[in-house]
C-alpha atoms as a PDB file:
ATOM      1  CA  MET A   1       6.511  14.262 -16.896  1.00  0.00           C
ATOM      2  CA  LYS A   2       6.199  11.600 -14.207  1.00  0.00           C
ATOM      3  CA  SER A   3       9.084   9.248 -13.512  1.00  0.00           C
ATOM      4  CA  ARG A   4       8.665   5.483 -13.817  1.00  0.00           C
ATOM      5  CA  PRO A   5       8.892   4.884 -10.029  1.00  0.00           C
ATOM      6  CA  PHE A   6       5.787   7.071  -9.639  1.00  0.00           C
ATOM      7  CA  TRP A   7       3.880   4.938 -12.140  1.00  0.00           C
ATOM      8  CA  ASP A   8       5.159   1.748 -10.469  1.00  0.00           C
ATOM      9  CA  GLU A   9       3.711   2.947  -7.165  1.00  0.00           C
ATOM     10  CA  PHE A  10       0.517   4.031  -8.912  1.00  0.00           C
ATOM     11  CA  ALA A  11       0.161   0.524 -10.378  1.00  0.00           C
ATOM     12  CA  GLU A  12       0.633  -1.013  -6.929  1.00  0.00           C
ATOM     13  CA  VAL A  13      -1.984   1.319  -5.445  1.00  0.00           C
ATOM     14  CA  ALA A  14      -4.386   0.543  -8.282  1.00  0.00           C
ATOM     15  CA  MET A  15      -3.960  -3.203  -7.732  1.00  0.00           C
ATOM     16  CA  GLN A  16      -4.342  -2.771  -3.980  1.00  0.00           C
ATOM     17  CA  ARG A  17      -7.531  -0.792  -4.576  1.00  0.00           C
ATOM     18  CA  LEU A  18      -8.912  -3.562  -6.814  1.00  0.00           C
ATOM     19  CA  VAL A  19      -8.079  -6.212  -4.208  1.00  0.00           C
ATOM     20  CA  GLY A  20      -9.277  -4.180  -1.201  1.00  0.00           C
ATOM     21  CA  PRO A  21     -10.700  -0.666  -1.854  1.00  0.00           C
ATOM     22  CA  ASN A  22     -10.955   0.078   1.873  1.00  0.00           C
ATOM     23  CA  GLU A  23      -7.301  -0.774   2.456  1.00  0.00           C
ATOM     24  CA  GLY A  24      -6.145   1.073  -0.662  1.00  0.00           C
ATOM     25  CA  ASP A  25      -7.802   4.403   0.202  1.00  0.00           C
ATOM     26  CA  PRO A  26      -5.178   5.546   2.768  1.00  0.00           C
ATOM     27  CA  VAL A  27      -2.405   4.687   0.310  1.00  0.00           C
ATOM     28  CA  LEU A  28      -4.102   6.717  -2.408  1.00  0.00           C
ATOM     29  CA  VAL A  29      -4.320   9.712  -0.074  1.00  0.00           C
ATOM     30  CA  LEU A  30      -0.609   9.450   0.743  1.00  0.00           C
ATOM     31  CA  ALA A  31       0.268   9.186  -2.948  1.00  0.00           C
ATOM     32  CA  ASP A  32      -1.874  12.227  -3.812  1.00  0.00           C
ATOM     33  CA  THR A  33      -0.278  14.422  -1.136  1.00  0.00           C
ATOM     34  CA  ARG A  34       3.239  13.564  -2.326  1.00  0.00           C
END
């Protein structure tokens, strides 16, 4: 089960991706490798 902080970061990444997909990609990669 994922902790809430993880989902908080996921939400931020999702919003960042909606605002600027190109800028959000690197963040998504970092989050996936965690």
